[in-house]
Amino acid sequence: MPLPRPVGVESDDELLVLRMHRPATAEAFPLRSGASQGQVAETSDPYLATPELGESQTTNHESRIKNSLSSQLPQGCELISIEIAERGTSFEPCSATYIFAVRQEYLGRGLESRIKDLLSSDSLVVRRMTDKKKSKFRNMDVRGFIKSIELDKAQVNVQCIITSAGSIRIQEVLELLELDMEKLASPIRRTCVQWRDV
């Protein structure tokens, strides 16, 4: 999974990348068990992506993969779509939105003002742990990782930029918003993940 979820965060936009190989004989399907996590799946398969497969064959394979995986998923986990990727394709996230549902008593002008201050700041420095065993920290400016923050009724939507250099962490977002888990009405949820094909 190219973008594993942080601990305690729900998600309705997951990507599972599978590489499958054609058996020496007979059909490549049905799939064996062991690859059943995720809500949205893409596959990278040297055999399935070969030029000799026509469009109808590719569609047929996608349908068979989807049916086989769907039958193995746990309750509440839905496989949205399957796409056979070109050989050698990899996927890198470029942004994701995190939703923080805030308890009613913590909503108000204080939160609105905090969001306004964060967005108007040129830099947002957090103290990030770099080595837990040695208790090492370093100051890091995370302003460039925040694309937008919106207060929508009882929830805060934070769109985070993800780069090869990293991104802002969930705990850092909470600290900047001056929130903690006790002030949230439900688990943090990740959605709207954007990908770049590499």
Protein backbone atom coordinates (compact mmCIF):
# COMPACT_ATOMS: atom_id res chain seq x y z
CA MET A 1 0.00 0.00 0.00
CA PRO A 2 1.80 3.17 -1.20
CA LEU A 3 0.25 5.39 1.51
CA PRO A 4 -0.29 3.42 4.75
CA ARG A 5 -2.82 4.96 7.13
CA PRO A 6 -1.56 6.48 10.38
CA VAL A 7 -2.60 4.52 13.47
CA GLY A 8 -6.16 5.36 14.53
CA VAL A 9 -7.10 7.06 11.25
CA GLU A 10 -10.04 5.83 9.19
CA SER A 11 -9.97 6.01 5.40
CA ASP A 12 -12.41 5.84 2.53
CA ASP A 13 -9.81 6.23 -0.20
CA GLU A 14 -7.17 3.49 -0.12
CA LEU A 15 -4.95 2.25 -2.93
CA LEU A 16 -3.67 -1.32 -3.06
CA VAL A 17 -1.04 -2.14 -5.68
CA LEU A 18 -0.64 -5.80 -6.59
CA ARG A 19 1.93 -7.48 -8.80
CA MET A 20 0.69 -10.81 -10.10
CA HIS A 21 2.51 -13.43 -12.10
CA ARG A 22 1.16 -15.94 -14.55
CA PRO A 23 1.47 -19.55 -13.35
CA ALA A 24 3.59 -21.88 -15.47
CA THR A 25 0.44 -23.63 -16.68
CA ALA A 26 -3.31 -23.19 -16.82
CA GLU A 27 -5.23 -20.05 -15.87
CA ALA A 28 -3.88 -17.18 -13.80
CA PHE A 29 -7.10 -17.07 -11.81
CA PRO A 30 -8.75 -17.43 -9.37
CA LEU A 31 -6.40 -15.52 -7.12
CA ARG A 32 -4.94 -17.15 -4.05
CA SER A 33 -5.78 -15.69 -0.68
CA GLY A 34 -3.54 -13.19 1.08
CA ALA A 35 -4.12 -9.97 -0.88
CA SER A 36 -7.42 -8.70 0.36
CA GLN A 37 -6.84 -5.32 2.01
CA GLY A 38 -7.79 -1.90 0.74
CA GLN A 39 -10.81 -0.21 -0.77
CA VAL A 40 -9.42 0.86 -4.11
CA ALA A 41 -7.00 -1.38 -5.96
CA GLU A 42 -4.70 -1.06 -8.93
CA THR A 43 -2.70 -3.95 -10.33
CA SER A 44 0.68 -4.06 -11.97
CA ASP A 45 1.08 -7.36 -13.75
CA PRO A 46 3.79 -8.07 -16.33
CA TYR A 47 1.61 -10.75 -17.91
CA LEU A 48 -1.66 -8.85 -17.97
CA ALA A 49 -0.04 -5.67 -19.24
CA THR A 50 1.62 -7.28 -22.25
CA PRO A 51 0.76 -5.78 -25.67
CA GLU A 52 -0.82 -8.98 -26.99
CA LEU A 53 -3.78 -8.59 -24.64
CA GLY A 54 -6.61 -6.74 -26.31
CA GLU A 55 -9.03 -4.33 -24.65
CA SER A 56 -11.73 -6.96 -24.17
CA GLN A 57 -9.22 -9.38 -22.61
CA THR A 58 -7.97 -6.68 -20.26
CA THR A 59 -11.53 -5.83 -19.20
CA ASN A 60 -12.24 -9.51 -18.61
CA HIS A 61 -9.13 -9.88 -16.44
CA GLU A 62 -10.03 -6.76 -14.45
CA SER A 63 -13.50 -8.16 -13.80
CA ARG A 64 -12.12 -11.51 -12.66
CA ILE A 65 -9.56 -9.88 -10.38
CA LYS A 66 -12.22 -7.64 -8.83
CA ASN A 67 -14.61 -10.53 -8.22
CA SER A 68 -11.89 -12.70 -6.70
CA LEU A 69 -10.58 -9.97 -4.38
CA SER A 70 -14.06 -8.76 -3.39
CA SER A 71 -15.01 -12.23 -2.18
CA GLN A 72 -12.08 -12.14 0.28
CA LEU A 73 -12.52 -8.64 1.72
CA PRO A 74 -13.70 -8.23 5.32
CA GLN A 75 -17.18 -6.86 5.99
CA GLY A 76 -17.38 -3.09 5.52
CA CYS A 77 -14.44 -2.95 3.09
CA GLU A 78 -15.55 -2.32 -0.49
CA LEU A 79 -13.41 -2.73 -3.59
CA ILE A 80 -14.26 0.30 -5.72
CA SER A 81 -12.30 -0.29 -8.91
CA ILE A 82 -9.54 -2.25 -10.59
CA GLU A 83 -7.14 -0.98 -13.21
CA ILE A 84 -4.33 -2.89 -14.87
CA ALA A 85 -1.30 -0.60 -14.93
CA GLU A 86 1.49 -0.50 -17.46
CA ARG A 87 4.55 -2.55 -16.63
CA GLY A 88 6.93 -0.67 -14.32
CA THR A 89 4.34 1.87 -13.18
CA SER A 90 4.59 3.03 -9.57
CA PHE A 91 2.32 5.33 -7.61
CA GLU A 92 3.29 8.28 -5.43
CA PRO A 93 0.79 10.32 -3.38
CA CYS A 94 0.84 14.08 -3.88
CA SER A 95 -1.95 15.17 -1.52
CA ALA A 96 -4.59 13.90 0.90
CA THR A 97 -7.40 15.45 2.90
CA TYR A 98 -7.91 14.71 6.60
CA ILE A 99 -11.25 15.35 8.27
CA PHE A 100 -11.39 16.27 11.96
CA ALA A 101 -14.92 16.17 13.39
CA VAL A 102 -14.89 18.56 16.35
CA ARG A 103 -17.16 18.31 19.39
CA GLN A 104 -19.77 21.06 19.53
CA GLU A 105 -18.38 22.66 22.69
CA TYR A 106 -15.00 23.27 21.02
CA LEU A 107 -16.39 24.96 17.93
CA GLY A 108 -16.52 28.73 17.75
CA ARG A 109 -14.53 31.86 17.07
CA GLY A 110 -11.44 30.51 18.79
CA LEU A 111 -11.07 27.71 16.26
CA GLU A 112 -11.95 29.99 13.35
CA SER A 113 -9.33 32.49 14.46
CA ARG A 114 -6.72 29.76 14.86
CA ILE A 115 -7.31 28.49 11.31
CA LYS A 116 -7.07 32.04 9.94
CA ASP A 117 -3.77 32.58 11.75
CA LEU A 118 -2.32 29.32 10.46
CA LEU A 119 -3.20 30.09 6.85
CA SER A 120 -1.81 33.62 7.05
CA SER A 121 1.53 32.44 8.48
CA ASP A 122 4.56 32.20 6.23
CA SER A 123 6.04 29.44 8.38
CA LEU A 124 4.74 26.93 10.92
CA VAL A 125 7.54 25.38 12.93
CA VAL A 126 6.91 22.15 14.83
CA ARG A 127 9.21 20.10 17.02
CA ARG A 128 9.51 16.68 15.39
CA MET A 129 11.01 13.58 16.98
CA THR A 130 13.67 12.06 14.74
CA ASP A 131 14.97 9.31 17.02
CA LYS A 132 12.62 7.89 19.65
CA LYS A 133 15.27 5.74 21.36
CA LYS A 134 17.66 8.64 21.75
CA SER A 135 14.91 11.22 22.29
CA LYS A 136 16.21 13.39 19.48
CA PHE A 137 14.12 16.23 18.06
CA ARG A 138 14.49 18.86 15.38
CA ASN A 139 12.52 21.94 14.45
CA MET A 140 10.76 21.66 11.10
CA ASP A 141 8.75 24.18 9.08
CA VAL A 142 5.60 22.36 7.88
CA ARG A 143 3.78 25.32 6.29
CA GLY A 144 4.64 24.08 2.80
CA PHE A 145 2.81 20.81 3.50
CA ILE A 146 -0.54 22.50 4.20
CA LYS A 147 -2.52 23.40 1.09
CA SER A 148 -5.79 24.39 2.74
CA ILE A 149 -7.73 24.33 6.02
CA GLU A 150 -11.49 24.74 6.00
CA LEU A 151 -14.02 24.79 8.84
CA ASP A 152 -17.18 23.18 7.46
CA LYS A 153 -19.93 23.17 10.08
CA ALA A 154 -18.63 20.77 12.75
CA GLN A 155 -15.54 19.52 10.97
CA VAL A 156 -12.15 20.81 9.95
CA ASN A 157 -10.89 19.69 6.52
CA VAL A 158 -7.13 19.87 6.10
CA GLN A 159 -5.63 19.21 2.66
CA CYS A 160 -2.02 18.14 3.06
CA ILE A 161 0.67 18.14 0.39
CA ILE A 162 2.83 15.01 0.20
CA THR A 163 6.29 15.16 -1.35
CA SER A 164 9.39 13.01 -1.58
CA ALA A 165 10.65 15.01 1.41
CA GLY A 166 7.63 13.92 3.45
CA SER A 167 4.52 15.65 4.77
CA ILE A 168 2.98 17.01 7.92
CA ARG A 169 2.02 14.43 10.55
CA ILE A 170 -1.46 14.03 12.03
CA GLN A 171 -0.29 14.86 15.54
CA GLU A 172 1.35 18.02 14.23
CA VAL A 173 -1.92 19.09 12.57
CA LEU A 174 -3.77 18.57 15.86
CA GLU A 175 -1.17 20.60 17.76
CA LEU A 176 -1.33 23.46 15.26
CA LEU A 177 -5.13 23.51 15.50
CA GLU A 178 -4.85 23.32 19.30
CA LEU A 179 -6.98 20.19 19.30
CA ASP A 180 -6.49 16.76 20.83
CA MET A 181 -8.32 13.44 20.53
CA GLU A 182 -10.66 14.31 23.43
CA LYS A 183 -11.97 17.30 21.47
CA LEU A 184 -12.88 15.19 18.45
CA ALA A 185 -16.35 13.73 17.96
CA SER A 186 -15.19 10.76 15.87
CA PRO A 187 -11.97 9.19 14.52
CA ILE A 188 -9.91 11.22 12.05
CA ARG A 189 -10.75 10.26 8.48
CA ARG A 190 -8.57 10.43 5.37
CA THR A 191 -10.12 10.99 1.97
CA CYS A 192 -9.48 12.48 -1.50
CA VAL A 193 -5.97 11.09 -1.95
CA GLN A 194 -4.37 12.36 -5.16
CA TRP A 195 -1.72 10.29 -6.98
CA ARG A 196 0.96 10.96 -9.52
CA ASP A 197 1.95 8.19 -11.91
CA VAL A 198 5.67 7.54 -12.00
